[in-house]
Amino acid sequence: MRKMHLRVAVGVLGALMALAAALSVGSLGQDNVPLTWDGHLILRIRVAAGGMTPAQRAAEIQLRLQDLMAEQFAHEDEDLVGRITVRKLGRETVIEAPGRLLLTVTQPDARANNSSVYWLAQYWRGRLLEAMIIATRTG
């Protein structure tokens, strides 16, 4: 139990540090906000979406990942991380874990990354999976 609380506390601290970094980068007017986990770059948010700036999107995604990892550590017998998927949700392409949206991949995201929405969603999913799987093994 104590180990789980420590993991959650460390994760929350990481999320707050990422939020502070994202907000400081966003305040400089740079539209290239890194999303990291445990110090490793996962992806970069380059465009606004859903009424959020790139920095706000990165911070929100970071919090969603933190929630996912806290639940994964609380339910170690379930493989929530391994079930991260890409799917169409109406007209949007989303990356989600069981019961939760992680992020939406938009056409502007794809253009900013010189790719298709589908390719970018699959690429970002792979990057998320890699980072989260490493975290579950080392956490």
N, C-alpha and C. Protein backbone atom coordinates (compact mmCIF):
# COMPACT_ATOMS: atom_id res chain seq x y z
N MET A 1 0.83 -1.19 0.00
CA MET A 1 0.00 0.00 0.00
C MET A 1 0.88 1.26 0.00
N ARG A 2 1.91 1.26 0.83
CA ARG A 2 2.80 2.41 0.92
C ARG A 2 3.51 2.63 -0.41
N LYS A 3 3.89 1.53 -1.09
CA LYS A 3 4.56 1.62 -2.38
C LYS A 3 3.64 2.27 -3.42
N MET A 4 2.35 1.91 -3.39
CA MET A 4 1.39 2.49 -4.33
C MET A 4 1.25 3.99 -4.08
N HIS A 5 1.16 4.40 -2.81
CA HIS A 5 1.04 5.82 -2.49
C HIS A 5 2.27 6.59 -2.95
N LEU A 6 3.44 5.99 -2.80
CA LEU A 6 4.66 6.62 -3.26
C LEU A 6 4.64 6.80 -4.77
N ARG A 7 4.20 5.77 -5.50
CA ARG A 7 4.12 5.86 -6.96
C ARG A 7 3.16 6.97 -7.38
N VAL A 8 2.02 7.04 -6.73
CA VAL A 8 1.03 8.07 -7.06
C VAL A 8 1.61 9.44 -6.75
N ALA A 9 2.26 9.59 -5.60
CA ALA A 9 2.84 10.88 -5.21
C ALA A 9 3.91 11.30 -6.21
N VAL A 10 4.77 10.37 -6.60
CA VAL A 10 5.81 10.69 -7.58
C VAL A 10 5.18 11.07 -8.91
N GLY A 11 4.15 10.34 -9.31
CA GLY A 11 3.47 10.64 -10.56
C GLY A 11 2.81 12.00 -10.54
N VAL A 12 2.17 12.34 -9.42
CA VAL A 12 1.53 13.65 -9.29
C VAL A 12 2.57 14.75 -9.37
N LEU A 13 3.69 14.55 -8.70
CA LEU A 13 4.77 15.53 -8.76
C LEU A 13 5.25 15.70 -10.20
N GLY A 14 5.41 14.58 -10.92
CA GLY A 14 5.82 14.64 -12.32
C GLY A 14 4.80 15.38 -13.17
N ALA A 15 3.52 15.14 -12.91
CA ALA A 15 2.47 15.82 -13.66
C ALA A 15 2.50 17.32 -13.39
N LEU A 16 2.71 17.70 -12.13
CA LEU A 16 2.78 19.13 -11.80
C LEU A 16 3.98 19.79 -12.44
N MET A 17 5.12 19.09 -12.45
CA MET A 17 6.31 19.63 -13.10
C MET A 17 6.08 19.78 -14.60
N ALA A 18 5.43 18.80 -15.21
CA ALA A 18 5.13 18.88 -16.64
C ALA A 18 4.17 20.02 -16.92
N LEU A 19 3.20 20.21 -16.04
CA LEU A 19 2.24 21.30 -16.20
C LEU A 19 2.97 22.63 -16.13
N ALA A 20 3.85 22.78 -15.15
CA ALA A 20 4.61 24.03 -15.03
C ALA A 20 5.47 24.26 -16.25
N ALA A 21 6.13 23.22 -16.73
CA ALA A 21 6.97 23.35 -17.94
C ALA A 21 6.12 23.68 -19.15
N ALA A 22 4.98 23.02 -19.27
CA ALA A 22 4.10 23.27 -20.41
C ALA A 22 3.58 24.69 -20.39
N LEU A 23 3.19 25.15 -19.22
CA LEU A 23 2.67 26.51 -19.13
C LEU A 23 3.75 27.54 -19.41
N SER A 24 4.97 27.29 -18.96
CA SER A 24 6.04 28.25 -19.22
C SER A 24 6.41 28.27 -20.69
N VAL A 25 6.44 27.11 -21.33
CA VAL A 25 6.72 27.08 -22.76
C VAL A 25 5.59 27.75 -23.53
N GLY A 26 4.35 27.44 -23.15
CA GLY A 26 3.21 28.03 -23.83
C GLY A 26 3.17 29.54 -23.67
N SER A 27 3.61 30.03 -22.52
CA SER A 27 3.57 31.46 -22.30
C SER A 27 4.60 32.20 -23.15
N LEU A 28 5.57 31.48 -23.67
CA LEU A 28 6.55 32.10 -24.55
C LEU A 28 6.05 32.19 -25.98
N GLY A 29 4.84 31.68 -26.23
CA GLY A 29 4.26 31.74 -27.55
C GLY A 29 4.77 30.65 -28.48
N GLN A 30 5.43 29.66 -27.96
CA GLN A 30 5.95 28.57 -28.78
C GLN A 30 4.89 27.49 -28.89
N ASP A 31 4.58 27.09 -30.10
CA ASP A 31 3.58 26.05 -30.31
C ASP A 31 4.25 24.71 -30.54
N ASN A 32 5.04 24.29 -29.60
CA ASN A 32 5.75 23.03 -29.69
C ASN A 32 6.01 22.56 -28.26
N VAL A 33 4.97 21.98 -27.65
CA VAL A 33 5.04 21.64 -26.24
C VAL A 33 5.33 20.16 -26.08
N PRO A 34 6.44 19.82 -25.44
CA PRO A 34 6.76 18.40 -25.26
C PRO A 34 5.88 17.76 -24.19
N LEU A 35 5.49 16.54 -24.45
CA LEU A 35 4.78 15.72 -23.46
C LEU A 35 5.77 14.63 -23.07
N THR A 36 6.14 14.63 -21.80
CA THR A 36 7.14 13.67 -21.33
C THR A 36 6.56 12.80 -20.24
N TRP A 37 7.20 11.66 -20.05
CA TRP A 37 6.86 10.78 -18.93
C TRP A 37 8.16 10.26 -18.37
N ASP A 38 8.37 10.50 -17.08
CA ASP A 38 9.58 10.04 -16.40
C ASP A 38 10.84 10.55 -17.13
N GLY A 39 10.74 11.78 -17.63
CA GLY A 39 11.88 12.40 -18.29
C GLY A 39 12.09 12.03 -19.74
N HIS A 40 11.25 11.18 -20.29
CA HIS A 40 11.39 10.74 -21.68
C HIS A 40 10.33 11.40 -22.56
N LEU A 41 10.75 11.95 -23.68
CA LEU A 41 9.83 12.59 -24.61
C LEU A 41 8.91 11.54 -25.23
N ILE A 42 7.60 11.78 -25.16
CA ILE A 42 6.62 10.89 -25.79
C ILE A 42 6.18 11.50 -27.12
N LEU A 43 5.75 12.75 -27.07
CA LEU A 43 5.27 13.42 -28.27
C LEU A 43 5.31 14.92 -28.05
N ARG A 44 5.02 15.67 -29.10
CA ARG A 44 4.96 17.12 -29.01
C ARG A 44 3.59 17.58 -29.47
N ILE A 45 3.00 18.46 -28.68
CA ILE A 45 1.73 19.07 -29.05
C ILE A 45 2.05 20.40 -29.73
N ARG A 46 1.66 20.51 -30.99
CA ARG A 46 2.03 21.68 -31.78
C ARG A 46 0.87 22.63 -32.09
N VAL A 47 -0.36 22.16 -31.88
CA VAL A 47 -1.52 22.99 -32.24
C VAL A 47 -2.57 22.98 -31.14
N ALA A 48 -3.38 24.02 -31.14
CA ALA A 48 -4.51 24.11 -30.23
C ALA A 48 -5.62 23.19 -30.72
N ALA A 49 -6.48 22.77 -29.80
CA ALA A 49 -7.65 21.96 -30.16
C ALA A 49 -8.63 21.97 -28.99
N GLY A 50 -9.90 21.85 -29.32
CA GLY A 50 -10.91 21.78 -28.27
C GLY A 50 -10.93 22.99 -27.36
N GLY A 51 -10.55 24.14 -27.89
CA GLY A 51 -10.52 25.35 -27.08
C GLY A 51 -9.33 25.45 -26.14
N MET A 52 -8.35 24.55 -26.30
CA MET A 52 -7.16 24.56 -25.45
C MET A 52 -5.93 24.90 -26.27
N THR A 53 -5.00 25.61 -25.66
CA THR A 53 -3.71 25.89 -26.28
C THR A 53 -2.90 24.60 -26.28
N PRO A 54 -1.81 24.56 -27.04
CA PRO A 54 -0.95 23.36 -26.97
C PRO A 54 -0.48 23.06 -25.54
N ALA A 55 -0.14 24.08 -24.78
CA ALA A 55 0.31 23.86 -23.40
C ALA A 55 -0.82 23.29 -22.54
N GLN A 56 -2.02 23.78 -22.72
CA GLN A 56 -3.15 23.26 -21.96
C GLN A 56 -3.47 21.82 -22.36
N ARG A 57 -3.39 21.54 -23.65
CA ARG A 57 -3.61 20.16 -24.11
C ARG A 57 -2.59 19.21 -23.49
N ALA A 58 -1.32 19.61 -23.54
CA ALA A 58 -0.26 18.76 -22.97
C ALA A 58 -0.49 18.52 -21.48
N ALA A 59 -0.88 19.56 -20.77
CA ALA A 59 -1.13 19.42 -19.33
C ALA A 59 -2.31 18.48 -19.08
N GLU A 60 -3.37 18.61 -19.86
CA GLU A 60 -4.54 17.75 -19.71
C GLU A 60 -4.19 16.29 -20.02
N ILE A 61 -3.44 16.07 -21.09
CA ILE A 61 -3.03 14.71 -21.45
C ILE A 61 -2.16 14.12 -20.33
N GLN A 62 -1.27 14.93 -19.80
CA GLN A 62 -0.40 14.49 -18.71
C GLN A 62 -1.23 14.03 -17.51
N LEU A 63 -2.26 14.79 -17.17
CA LEU A 63 -3.13 14.41 -16.05
C LEU A 63 -3.89 13.12 -16.35
N ARG A 64 -4.35 12.96 -17.58
CA ARG A 64 -5.05 11.73 -17.96
C ARG A 64 -4.13 10.52 -17.88
N LEU A 65 -2.88 10.69 -18.30
CA LEU A 65 -1.92 9.60 -18.20
C LEU A 65 -1.63 9.26 -16.74
N GLN A 66 -1.53 10.29 -15.91
CA GLN A 66 -1.30 10.07 -14.49
C GLN A 66 -2.45 9.28 -13.88
N ASP A 67 -3.67 9.64 -14.21
CA ASP A 67 -4.84 8.90 -13.72
C ASP A 67 -4.79 7.44 -14.17
N LEU A 68 -4.44 7.24 -15.43
CA LEU A 68 -4.35 5.88 -15.96
C LEU A 68 -3.31 5.07 -15.20
N MET A 69 -2.14 5.66 -14.98
CA MET A 69 -1.08 4.93 -14.30
C MET A 69 -1.44 4.66 -12.84
N ALA A 70 -2.11 5.61 -12.18
CA ALA A 70 -2.52 5.38 -10.80
C ALA A 70 -3.49 4.20 -10.74
N GLU A 71 -4.42 4.14 -11.69
CA GLU A 71 -5.35 3.02 -11.72
C GLU A 71 -4.63 1.72 -12.07
N GLN A 72 -3.66 1.79 -12.98
CA GLN A 72 -2.91 0.59 -13.35
C GLN A 72 -2.16 0.03 -12.15
N PHE A 73 -1.51 0.90 -11.38
CA PHE A 73 -0.78 0.44 -10.20
C PHE A 73 -1.73 -0.07 -9.12
N ALA A 74 -2.94 0.49 -9.04
CA ALA A 74 -3.91 0.03 -8.05
C ALA A 74 -4.53 -1.31 -8.44
N HIS A 75 -4.54 -1.62 -9.73
CA HIS A 75 -5.12 -2.86 -10.23
C HIS A 75 -4.08 -3.60 -11.08
N GLU A 76 -3.02 -4.03 -10.43
CA GLU A 76 -1.91 -4.63 -11.16
C GLU A 76 -2.29 -5.90 -11.91
N ASP A 77 -3.41 -6.52 -11.54
CA ASP A 77 -3.84 -7.73 -12.23
C ASP A 77 -4.51 -7.43 -13.57
N GLU A 78 -4.84 -6.18 -13.83
CA GLU A 78 -5.45 -5.77 -15.10
C GLU A 78 -4.41 -5.09 -15.96
N ASP A 79 -4.50 -5.28 -17.27
CA ASP A 79 -3.57 -4.63 -18.19
C ASP A 79 -4.27 -3.46 -18.88
N LEU A 80 -4.39 -2.36 -18.16
CA LEU A 80 -5.04 -1.17 -18.72
C LEU A 80 -4.16 -0.51 -19.77
N VAL A 81 -2.87 -0.43 -19.48
CA VAL A 81 -1.93 0.22 -20.38
C VAL A 81 -1.85 -0.53 -21.71
N GLY A 82 -1.81 -1.85 -21.66
CA GLY A 82 -1.71 -2.64 -22.88
C GLY A 82 -2.94 -2.56 -23.76
N ARG A 83 -4.01 -1.99 -23.23
CA ARG A 83 -5.24 -1.88 -23.99
C ARG A 83 -5.49 -0.47 -24.51
N ILE A 84 -4.43 0.32 -24.65
CA ILE A 84 -4.55 1.64 -25.27
C ILE A 84 -4.80 1.43 -26.76
N THR A 85 -5.83 2.07 -27.27
CA THR A 85 -6.24 1.88 -28.66
C THR A 85 -6.47 3.20 -29.38
N VAL A 86 -6.51 3.09 -30.70
CA VAL A 86 -6.91 4.21 -31.57
C VAL A 86 -8.25 3.83 -32.17
N ARG A 87 -9.17 4.76 -32.18
CA ARG A 87 -10.46 4.49 -32.84
C ARG A 87 -11.10 5.80 -33.28
N LYS A 88 -12.04 5.66 -34.19
CA LYS A 88 -12.85 6.79 -34.63
C LYS A 88 -13.97 6.97 -33.62
N LEU A 89 -14.20 8.20 -33.23
CA LEU A 89 -15.29 8.55 -32.33
C LEU A 89 -16.04 9.68 -33.02
N GLY A 90 -17.09 9.32 -33.72
CA GLY A 90 -17.76 10.31 -34.55
C GLY A 90 -16.85 10.70 -35.69
N ARG A 91 -16.56 11.97 -35.79
CA ARG A 91 -15.67 12.46 -36.85
C ARG A 91 -14.22 12.60 -36.38
N GLU A 92 -13.97 12.27 -35.14
CA GLU A 92 -12.64 12.45 -34.58
C GLU A 92 -11.91 11.11 -34.42
N THR A 93 -10.60 11.18 -34.38
CA THR A 93 -9.75 10.03 -34.10
C THR A 93 -9.20 10.22 -32.69
N VAL A 94 -9.40 9.22 -31.85
CA VAL A 94 -8.99 9.34 -30.45
C VAL A 94 -8.07 8.20 -30.06
N ILE A 95 -7.26 8.48 -29.07
CA ILE A 95 -6.44 7.46 -28.42
C ILE A 95 -7.03 7.32 -27.03
N GLU A 96 -7.38 6.08 -26.67
CA GLU A 96 -8.05 5.86 -25.40
C GLU A 96 -7.56 4.59 -24.73
N ALA A 97 -7.78 4.54 -23.44
CA ALA A 97 -7.57 3.34 -22.64
C ALA A 97 -8.97 2.91 -22.18
N PRO A 98 -9.11 1.72 -21.63
CA PRO A 98 -10.44 1.27 -21.21
C PRO A 98 -11.16 2.31 -20.34
N GLY A 99 -12.28 2.79 -20.87
CA GLY A 99 -13.10 3.71 -20.10
C GLY A 99 -12.62 5.13 -20.01
N ARG A 100 -11.61 5.51 -20.79
CA ARG A 100 -11.10 6.89 -20.67
C ARG A 100 -10.45 7.37 -21.96
N LEU A 101 -10.73 8.61 -22.28
CA LEU A 101 -10.09 9.29 -23.40
C LEU A 101 -8.72 9.78 -22.94
N LEU A 102 -7.70 9.52 -23.73
CA LEU A 102 -6.38 10.05 -23.43
C LEU A 102 -6.11 11.31 -24.23
N LEU A 103 -6.36 11.25 -25.55
CA LEU A 103 -6.21 12.43 -26.38
C LEU A 103 -6.92 12.26 -27.72
N THR A 104 -7.20 13.40 -28.32
CA THR A 104 -7.79 13.44 -29.66
C THR A 104 -6.71 13.88 -30.63
N VAL A 105 -6.61 13.17 -31.75
CA VAL A 105 -5.65 13.52 -32.80
C VAL A 105 -6.45 14.21 -33.90
N THR A 106 -6.10 15.45 -34.18
CA THR A 106 -6.86 16.27 -35.11
C THR A 106 -6.15 16.43 -36.45
N GLN A 107 -6.90 16.90 -37.43
CA GLN A 107 -6.29 17.19 -38.73
C GLN A 107 -5.19 18.24 -38.59
N PRO A 108 -5.38 19.31 -37.81
CA PRO A 108 -4.27 20.25 -37.61
C PRO A 108 -3.03 19.60 -36.96
N ASP A 109 -3.25 18.64 -36.05
CA ASP A 109 -2.10 17.89 -35.48
C ASP A 109 -1.35 17.19 -36.60
N ALA A 110 -2.11 16.52 -37.47
CA ALA A 110 -1.50 15.76 -38.57
C ALA A 110 -0.74 16.69 -39.51
N ARG A 111 -1.35 17.82 -39.85
CA ARG A 111 -0.67 18.78 -40.74
C ARG A 111 0.61 19.28 -40.10
N ALA A 112 0.57 19.60 -38.81
CA ALA A 112 1.75 20.11 -38.10
C ALA A 112 2.86 19.07 -38.03
N ASN A 113 2.49 17.80 -38.16
CA ASN A 113 3.47 16.71 -38.13
C ASN A 113 3.71 16.09 -39.50
N ASN A 114 3.17 16.74 -40.53
CA ASN A 114 3.37 16.31 -41.92
C ASN A 114 2.98 14.84 -42.10
N SER A 115 1.78 14.50 -41.62
CA SER A 115 1.32 13.11 -41.70
C SER A 115 -0.20 13.07 -41.84
N SER A 116 -0.73 11.87 -41.92
CA SER A 116 -2.18 11.69 -41.88
C SER A 116 -2.61 11.57 -40.42
N VAL A 117 -3.88 11.81 -40.16
CA VAL A 117 -4.40 11.67 -38.81
C VAL A 117 -4.22 10.23 -38.34
N TYR A 118 -4.56 9.27 -39.19
CA TYR A 118 -4.45 7.86 -38.82
C TYR A 118 -3.01 7.49 -38.47
N TRP A 119 -2.07 7.87 -39.32
CA TRP A 119 -0.67 7.53 -39.06
C TRP A 119 -0.19 8.16 -37.77
N LEU A 120 -0.50 9.43 -37.56
CA LEU A 120 -0.06 10.12 -36.35
C LEU A 120 -0.68 9.49 -35.10
N ALA A 121 -1.95 9.15 -35.17
CA ALA A 121 -2.61 8.51 -34.02
C ALA A 121 -1.93 7.18 -33.69
N GLN A 122 -1.63 6.40 -34.69
CA GLN A 122 -0.95 5.11 -34.46
C GLN A 122 0.46 5.33 -33.89
N TYR A 123 1.16 6.32 -34.42
CA TYR A 123 2.51 6.62 -33.95
C TYR A 123 2.47 7.08 -32.49
N TRP A 124 1.58 8.03 -32.18
CA TRP A 124 1.47 8.52 -30.81
C TRP A 124 1.04 7.40 -29.86
N ARG A 125 0.14 6.54 -30.30
CA ARG A 125 -0.27 5.39 -29.49
C ARG A 125 0.95 4.53 -29.15
N GLY A 126 1.77 4.25 -30.14
CA GLY A 126 2.97 3.45 -29.92
C GLY A 126 3.91 4.10 -28.92
N ARG A 127 4.09 5.41 -29.05
CA ARG A 127 4.96 6.13 -28.12
C ARG A 127 4.40 6.10 -26.69
N LEU A 128 3.07 6.28 -26.58
CA LEU A 128 2.43 6.21 -25.26
C LEU A 128 2.58 4.82 -24.65
N LEU A 129 2.31 3.80 -25.45
CA LEU A 129 2.44 2.42 -24.97
C LEU A 129 3.86 2.15 -24.46
N GLU A 130 4.82 2.52 -25.26
CA GLU A 130 6.22 2.28 -24.88
C GLU A 130 6.54 2.94 -23.54
N ALA A 131 6.18 4.20 -23.38
CA ALA A 131 6.47 4.92 -22.14
C ALA A 131 5.73 4.34 -20.94
N MET A 132 4.46 4.00 -21.14
CA MET A 132 3.66 3.49 -20.04
C MET A 132 4.08 2.07 -19.63
N ILE A 133 4.45 1.26 -20.60
CA ILE A 133 4.93 -0.10 -20.28
C ILE A 133 6.23 -0.04 -19.51
N ILE A 134 7.13 0.83 -19.92
CA ILE A 134 8.38 1.00 -19.18
C ILE A 134 8.08 1.46 -17.76
N ALA A 135 7.13 2.39 -17.61
CA ALA A 135 6.79 2.89 -16.28
C ALA A 135 6.21 1.79 -15.39
N THR A 136 5.41 0.91 -15.95
CA THR A 136 4.84 -0.15 -15.13
C THR A 136 5.89 -1.16 -14.70
N ARG A 137 6.93 -1.31 -15.48
CA ARG A 137 7.99 -2.26 -15.13
C ARG A 137 9.01 -1.69 -14.17
N THR A 138 9.19 -0.37 -14.21
CA THR A 138 10.21 0.25 -13.37
C THR A 138 9.63 0.99 -12.18
N GLY A 139 8.31 1.24 -12.22
CA GLY A 139 7.63 2.02 -11.17
C GLY A 139 7.59 1.33 -9.88
